[in-house]
Amino acid sequence: MSWHKGSFQVVENRLLLQQVEYYGLDNQNEILPREQLILHNSGQDTETFISFNKKRDKLTMGKPCPEDAICAAAQTYYKEN
């Protein structure tokens, strides 16, 4: 289980996450209540590119990747009816 706290802004085709705090497990327990999660990273700002298809039932998200770098593939989410 993990939990993120911060603020976000959508600007054109970008999702900006600001002052993000990442809370996760303590490496001893497989599950903990949210109040007992440990702060792992704080104050991180990230930028993700987002796009929708014409029907707006598919969202694709991906982070900028420098040339010659190994980056995670874009994630695609589909809306269920």
Protein backbone atom coordinates (compact mmCIF):
# COMPACT_ATOMS: atom_id res chain seq x y z
CA MET A 1 0.00 0.00 0.00
CA SER A 2 1.20 3.50 -0.72
CA TRP A 3 -0.28 6.97 -0.50
CA HIS A 4 0.64 10.23 -2.19
CA LYS A 5 -0.21 13.70 -0.93
CA GLY A 6 0.27 16.96 -2.83
CA SER A 7 -1.39 19.33 -5.25
CA PHE A 8 -1.93 19.11 -8.99
CA GLN A 9 -2.60 21.33 -11.95
CA VAL A 10 -3.61 20.47 -15.51
CA VAL A 11 -2.02 22.80 -18.07
CA GLU A 12 -2.81 22.02 -21.73
CA ASN A 13 -1.57 18.43 -22.18
CA ARG A 14 0.46 18.24 -18.94
CA LEU A 15 -0.40 17.06 -15.45
CA LEU A 16 1.81 18.89 -12.93
CA LEU A 17 2.16 17.34 -9.47
CA GLN A 18 3.63 19.72 -6.89
CA GLN A 19 4.96 19.25 -3.35
CA VAL A 20 4.27 15.51 -3.54
CA GLU A 21 4.84 13.44 -0.41
CA TYR A 22 5.09 9.65 -0.87
CA TYR A 23 4.10 7.43 2.04
CA GLY A 24 4.71 3.67 1.93
CA LEU A 25 5.26 0.55 3.99
CA ASP A 26 7.99 0.19 6.60
CA ASN A 27 9.64 -2.89 4.94
CA GLN A 28 8.42 -5.08 7.81
CA ASN A 29 4.67 -5.19 7.28
CA GLU A 30 2.76 -6.17 4.16
CA ILE A 31 -0.14 -3.89 5.06
CA LEU A 32 -0.57 -0.95 7.42
CA PRO A 33 -3.36 1.55 8.10
CA ARG A 34 -2.83 4.82 6.23
CA GLU A 35 -1.97 6.67 9.46
CA GLN A 36 1.01 4.33 10.05
CA LEU A 37 2.62 4.58 6.60
CA ILE A 38 6.18 6.00 6.56
CA LEU A 39 7.15 9.19 4.68
CA HIS A 40 9.73 8.13 2.03
CA ASN A 41 10.04 11.19 -0.23
CA SER A 42 8.89 14.75 0.23
CA GLY A 43 8.60 17.89 -1.88
CA GLN A 44 8.96 16.21 -5.27
CA ASP A 45 7.54 17.97 -8.33
CA THR A 46 6.80 15.89 -11.42
CA GLU A 47 5.38 16.48 -14.87
CA THR A 48 3.40 13.95 -16.90
CA PHE A 49 2.06 14.32 -20.43
CA ILE A 50 -1.58 13.31 -20.86
CA SER A 51 -3.81 12.77 -23.88
CA PHE A 52 -7.33 11.53 -24.58
CA ASN A 53 -8.71 9.86 -27.68
CA LYS A 54 -11.63 11.48 -29.56
CA LYS A 55 -14.27 9.47 -27.66
CA ARG A 56 -12.58 10.46 -24.35
CA ASP A 57 -12.74 6.88 -23.12
CA LYS A 58 -8.96 6.32 -23.22
CA LEU A 59 -6.38 8.31 -21.23
CA THR A 60 -2.66 7.93 -21.95
CA MET A 61 -0.06 9.24 -19.49
CA GLY A 62 3.71 9.36 -19.94
CA LYS A 63 6.70 11.17 -18.50
CA PRO A 64 9.26 13.05 -20.61
CA CYS A 65 12.21 10.83 -21.51
CA PRO A 66 15.60 12.18 -22.61
CA GLU A 67 17.20 10.74 -25.73
CA ASP A 68 19.23 7.55 -25.18
CA ALA A 69 17.61 7.01 -21.76
CA ILE A 70 15.70 3.99 -20.54
CA CYS A 71 12.28 5.16 -19.34
CA ALA A 72 9.04 3.57 -18.27
CA ALA A 73 6.46 3.06 -20.99
CA ALA A 74 3.39 5.27 -21.13
CA GLN A 75 0.39 4.06 -19.15
CA THR A 76 -3.04 3.78 -20.75
CA TYR A 77 -6.33 3.80 -18.86
CA TYR A 78 -9.70 2.84 -20.36
CA LYS A 79 -13.07 4.07 -19.12
CA GLU A 80 -15.56 1.35 -18.35
CA ASN A 81 -19.22 1.90 -19.17
